[in-house]
């Protein structure tokens, strides 16, 4: 849920600041990448002891 809140706040900040479209898309790509990367790491760490 924290990743979703972060993504929504980043999107709201981008549209509020009226940045050029390429910068908005660039920031959205990086936000999505970091959220997905963090989610995968959390899932791997949570399932590691049971996988042993």
PDB file of N, CA and C in Angstrom:
ATOM      1  N   UNK A   1       0.823  -1.204   0.000  1.00  0.00           N
ATOM      2  CA  UNK A   1       0.000   0.000   0.000  1.00  0.00           C
ATOM      3  C   UNK A   1       0.863   1.262   0.000  1.00  0.00           C
ATOM      4  N   UNK A   2       2.030   1.192   0.628  1.00  0.00           N
ATOM      5  CA  UNK A   2       2.889   2.381   0.645  1.00  0.00           C
ATOM      6  C   UNK A   2       3.410   2.695  -0.752  1.00  0.00           C
ATOM      7  N   UNK A   3       3.660   1.648  -1.543  1.00  0.00           N
ATOM      8  CA  UNK A   3       4.084   1.885  -2.919  1.00  0.00           C
ATOM      9  C   UNK A   3       3.001   2.548  -3.736  1.00  0.00           C
ATOM     10  N   UNK A   4       1.763   2.140  -3.509  1.00  0.00           N
ATOM     11  CA  UNK A   4       0.637   2.740  -4.229  1.00  0.00           C
ATOM     12  C   UNK A   4       0.453   4.202  -3.835  1.00  0.00           C
ATOM     13  N   UNK A   5       0.571   4.487  -2.554  1.00  0.00           N
ATOM     14  CA  UNK A   5       0.457   5.873  -2.086  1.00  0.00           C
ATOM     15  C   UNK A   5       1.582   6.723  -2.675  1.00  0.00           C
ATOM     16  N   UNK A   6       2.791   6.161  -2.711  1.00  0.00           N
ATOM     17  CA  UNK A   6       3.912   6.890  -3.289  1.00  0.00           C
ATOM     18  C   UNK A   6       3.721   7.178  -4.766  1.00  0.00           C
ATOM     19  N   UNK A   7       3.203   6.180  -5.492  1.00  0.00           N
ATOM     20  CA  UNK A   7       2.972   6.373  -6.925  1.00  0.00           C
ATOM     21  C   UNK A   7       1.916   7.435  -7.175  1.00  0.00           C
ATOM     22  N   UNK A   8       0.842   7.413  -6.391  1.00  0.00           N
ATOM     23  CA  UNK A   8      -0.220   8.408  -6.562  1.00  0.00           C
ATOM     24  C   UNK A   8       0.298   9.809  -6.251  1.00  0.00           C
ATOM     25  N   UNK A   9       1.111   9.926  -5.205  1.00  0.00           N
ATOM     26  CA  UNK A   9       1.628  11.253  -4.856  1.00  0.00           C
ATOM     27  C   UNK A   9       2.601  11.764  -5.912  1.00  0.00           C
ATOM     28  N   UNK A  10       3.393  10.864  -6.505  1.00  0.00           N
ATOM     29  CA  UNK A  10       4.315  11.286  -7.560  1.00  0.00           C
ATOM     30  C   UNK A  10       3.538  11.749  -8.789  1.00  0.00           C
ATOM     31  N   UNK A  11       2.488  11.006  -9.147  1.00  0.00           N
ATOM     32  CA  UNK A  11       1.667  11.405 -10.294  1.00  0.00           C
ATOM     33  C   UNK A  11       1.011  12.757 -10.033  1.00  0.00           C
ATOM     34  N   UNK A  12       0.472  12.946  -8.829  1.00  0.00           N
ATOM     35  CA  UNK A  12      -0.172  14.220  -8.497  1.00  0.00           C
ATOM     36  C   UNK A  12       0.836  15.364  -8.528  1.00  0.00           C
ATOM     37  N   UNK A  13       2.043  15.110  -8.028  1.00  0.00           N
ATOM     38  CA  UNK A  13       3.079  16.142  -8.032  1.00  0.00           C
ATOM     39  C   UNK A  13       3.484  16.505  -9.454  1.00  0.00           C
ATOM     40  N   UNK A  14       3.591  15.501 -10.316  1.00  0.00           N
ATOM     41  CA  UNK A  14       3.977  15.768 -11.705  1.00  0.00           C
ATOM     42  C   UNK A  14       2.931  16.609 -12.421  1.00  0.00           C
ATOM     43  N   UNK A  15       1.655  16.277 -12.249  1.00  0.00           N
ATOM     44  CA  UNK A  15       0.620  17.042 -12.930  1.00  0.00           C
ATOM     45  C   UNK A  15       0.444  18.425 -12.311  1.00  0.00           C
ATOM     46  N   UNK A  16       0.727  18.561 -11.025  1.00  0.00           N
ATOM     47  CA  UNK A  16       0.586  19.863 -10.382  1.00  0.00           C
ATOM     48  C   UNK A  16       1.698  20.814 -10.819  1.00  0.00           C
ATOM     49  N   UNK A  17       2.884  20.272 -11.075  1.00  0.00           N
ATOM     50  CA  UNK A  17       4.007  21.145 -11.426  1.00  0.00           C
ATOM     51  C   UNK A  17       4.038  21.498 -12.906  1.00  0.00           C
ATOM     52  N   UNK A  18       3.211  20.813 -13.740  1.00  0.00           N
ATOM     53  CA  UNK A  18       3.119  21.097 -15.176  1.00  0.00           C
ATOM     54  C   UNK A  18       4.484  21.025 -15.860  1.00  0.00           C
ATOM     55  N   UNK A  19       5.199  19.930 -15.581  1.00  0.00           N
ATOM     56  CA  UNK A  19       6.480  19.711 -16.240  1.00  0.00           C
ATOM     57  C   UNK A  19       6.246  19.253 -17.676  1.00  0.00           C
ATOM     58  N   UNK A  20       7.257  19.352 -18.515  1.00  0.00           N
ATOM     59  CA  UNK A  20       7.119  18.804 -19.871  1.00  0.00           C
ATOM     60  C   UNK A  20       6.801  17.316 -19.835  1.00  0.00           C
ATOM     61  N   UNK A  21       6.149  16.835 -20.873  1.00  0.00           N
ATOM     62  CA  UNK A  21       5.639  15.467 -20.888  1.00  0.00           C
ATOM     63  C   UNK A  21       6.756  14.440 -20.780  1.00  0.00           C
ATOM     64  N   UNK A  22       7.898  14.682 -21.400  1.00  0.00           N
ATOM     65  CA  UNK A  22       8.971  13.689 -21.378  1.00  0.00           C
ATOM     66  C   UNK A  22       9.520  13.523 -19.966  1.00  0.00           C
ATOM     67  N   UNK A  23       9.583  14.610 -19.193  1.00  0.00           N
ATOM     68  CA  UNK A  23      10.071  14.522 -17.818  1.00  0.00           C
ATOM     69  C   UNK A  23       9.060  13.773 -16.959  1.00  0.00           C
ATOM     70  N   UNK A  24       7.773  14.018 -17.179  1.00  0.00           N
ATOM     71  CA  UNK A  24       6.729  13.317 -16.432  1.00  0.00           C
ATOM     72  C   UNK A  24       6.803  11.821 -16.710  1.00  0.00           C
ATOM     73  N   UNK A  25       6.938  11.445 -17.977  1.00  0.00           N
ATOM     74  CA  UNK A  25       7.023  10.027 -18.322  1.00  0.00           C
ATOM     75  C   UNK A  25       8.288   9.394 -17.761  1.00  0.00           C
ATOM     76  N   UNK A  26       9.395  10.138 -17.780  1.00  0.00           N
ATOM     77  CA  UNK A  26      10.655   9.637 -17.241  1.00  0.00           C
ATOM     78  C   UNK A  26      10.534   9.368 -15.742  1.00  0.00           C
ATOM     79  N   UNK A  27       9.909  10.310 -15.009  1.00  0.00           N
ATOM     80  CA  UNK A  27       9.750  10.135 -13.564  1.00  0.00           C
ATOM     81  C   UNK A  27       8.775   9.004 -13.253  1.00  0.00           C
ATOM     82  N   UNK A  28       7.716   8.869 -14.047  1.00  0.00           N
ATOM     83  CA  UNK A  28       6.773   7.774 -13.831  1.00  0.00           C
ATOM     84  C   UNK A  28       7.440   6.429 -14.073  1.00  0.00           C
ATOM     85  N   UNK A  29       8.301   6.351 -15.087  1.00  0.00           N
ATOM     86  CA  UNK A  29       9.009   5.103 -15.355  1.00  0.00           C
ATOM     87  C   UNK A  29       9.908   4.732 -14.188  1.00  0.00           C
ATOM     88  N   UNK A  30      10.644   5.709 -13.666  1.00  0.00           N
ATOM     89  CA  UNK A  30      11.529   5.428 -12.541  1.00  0.00           C
ATOM     90  C   UNK A  30      10.747   5.081 -11.278  1.00  0.00           C
ATOM     91  N   UNK A  31       9.616   5.743 -11.062  1.00  0.00           N
ATOM     92  CA  UNK A  31       8.791   5.425  -9.896  1.00  0.00           C
ATOM     93  C   UNK A  31       8.243   4.006  -9.997  1.00  0.00           C
ATOM     94  N   UNK A  32       7.756   3.637 -11.176  1.00  0.00           N
ATOM     95  CA  UNK A  32       7.222   2.285 -11.356  1.00  0.00           C
ATOM     96  C   UNK A  32       8.323   1.251 -11.199  1.00  0.00           C
ATOM     97  N   UNK A  33       9.507   1.533 -11.735  1.00  0.00           N
ATOM     98  CA  UNK A  33      10.618   0.587 -11.622  1.00  0.00           C
ATOM     99  C   UNK A  33      11.020   0.382 -10.167  1.00  0.00           C
ATOM    100  N   UNK A  34      11.113   1.468  -9.406  1.00  0.00           N
ATOM    101  CA  UNK A  34      11.528   1.340  -8.011  1.00  0.00           C
ATOM    102  C   UNK A  34      10.476   0.618  -7.180  1.00  0.00           C
ATOM    103  N   UNK A  35       9.196   0.871  -7.463  1.00  0.00           N
ATOM    104  CA  UNK A  35       8.130   0.190  -6.723  1.00  0.00           C
ATOM    105  C   UNK A  35       8.145  -1.305  -7.026  1.00  0.00           C
ATOM    106  N   UNK A  36       8.289  -1.669  -8.307  1.00  0.00           N
ATOM    107  CA  UNK A  36       8.305  -3.088  -8.678  1.00  0.00           C
ATOM    108  C   UNK A  36       9.543  -3.768  -8.105  1.00  0.00           C
ATOM    109  N   UNK A  37      10.696  -3.114  -8.184  1.00  0.00           N
ATOM    110  CA  UNK A  37      11.931  -3.692  -7.661  1.00  0.00           C
ATOM    111  C   UNK A  37      11.823  -3.924  -6.158  1.00  0.00           C
ATOM    112  N   UNK A  38      11.280  -2.946  -5.427  1.00  0.00           N
ATOM    113  CA  UNK A  38      11.114  -3.088  -3.981  1.00  0.00           C
ATOM    114  C   UNK A  38      10.135  -4.200  -3.649  1.00  0.00           C
ATOM    115  N   UNK A  39       9.035  -4.292  -4.391  1.00  0.00           N
ATOM    116  CA  UNK A  39       8.037  -5.330  -4.134  1.00  0.00           C
ATOM    117  C   UNK A  39       8.626  -6.713  -4.355  1.00  0.00           C
ATOM    118  N   UNK A  40       9.409  -6.883  -5.425  1.00  0.00           N
ATOM    119  CA  UNK A  40      10.021  -8.186  -5.702  1.00  0.00           C
ATOM    120  C   UNK A  40      11.005  -8.545  -4.598  1.00  0.00           C
ATOM    121  N   UNK A  41      11.801  -7.583  -4.137  1.00  0.00           N
ATOM    122  CA  UNK A  41      12.762  -7.867  -3.076  1.00  0.00           C
ATOM    123  C   UNK A  41      12.057  -8.266  -1.780  1.00  0.00           C
ATOM    124  N   UNK A  42      10.963  -7.590  -1.447  1.00  0.00           N
ATOM    125  CA  UNK A  42      10.219  -7.926  -0.231  1.00  0.00           C
ATOM    126  C   UNK A  42       9.634  -9.328  -0.344  1.00  0.00           C
ATOM    127  N   UNK A  43       9.074  -9.663  -1.515  1.00  0.00           N
ATOM    128  CA  UNK A  43       8.507 -11.000  -1.695  1.00  0.00           C
ATOM    129  C   UNK A  43       9.583 -12.068  -1.598  1.00  0.00           C
ATOM    130  N   UNK A  44      10.766 -11.816  -2.167  1.00  0.00           N
ATOM    131  CA  UNK A  44      11.847 -12.793  -2.089  1.00  0.00           C
ATOM    132  C   UNK A  44      12.319 -12.974  -0.654  1.00  0.00           C
ATOM    133  N   UNK A  45      12.452 -11.876   0.080  1.00  0.00           N
ATOM    134  CA  UNK A  45      12.933 -11.973   1.453  1.00  0.00           C
ATOM    135  C   UNK A  45      11.911 -12.642   2.361  1.00  0.00           C
ATOM    136  N   UNK A  46      10.625 -12.418   2.106  1.00  0.00           N
ATOM    137  CA  UNK A  46       9.601 -13.045   2.935  1.00  0.00           C
ATOM    138  C   UNK A  46       9.505 -14.539   2.665  1.00  0.00           C
ATOM    139  N   UNK A  47       9.745 -14.959   1.430  1.00  0.00           N
ATOM    140  CA  UNK A  47       9.594 -16.364   1.081  1.00  0.00           C
ATOM    141  C   UNK A  47      10.894 -17.145   1.165  1.00  0.00           C
ATOM    142  N   UNK A  48      11.998 -16.494   1.471  1.00  0.00           N
ATOM    143  CA  UNK A  48      13.288 -17.183   1.504  1.00  0.00           C
ATOM    144  C   UNK A  48      13.352 -18.263   2.582  1.00  0.00           C
ATOM    145  N   UNK A  49      12.937 -17.992   3.837  1.00  0.00           N
ATOM    146  CA  UNK A  49      13.043 -19.059   4.859  1.00  0.00           C
ATOM    147  C   UNK A  49      12.176 -20.277   4.539  1.00  0.00           C
ATOM    148  N   UNK A  50      11.026 -20.076   3.926  1.00  0.00           N
ATOM    149  CA  UNK A  50      10.172 -21.221   3.616  1.00  0.00           C
ATOM    150  C   UNK A  50      10.698 -21.986   2.410  1.00  0.00           C
ATOM    151  N   UNK A  51      11.480 -21.335   1.559  1.00  0.00           N
ATOM    152  CA  UNK A  51      12.023 -22.022   0.395  1.00  0.00           C
ATOM    153  C   UNK A  51      13.200 -22.913   0.765  1.00  0.00           C
ATOM    154  N   UNK A  52      13.814 -22.660   1.903  1.00  0.00           N
ATOM    155  CA  UNK A  52      14.961 -23.476   2.313  1.00  0.00           C
ATOM    156  C   UNK A  52      14.486 -24.842   2.679  1.00  0.00           C
TER     157      UNK A  52
END
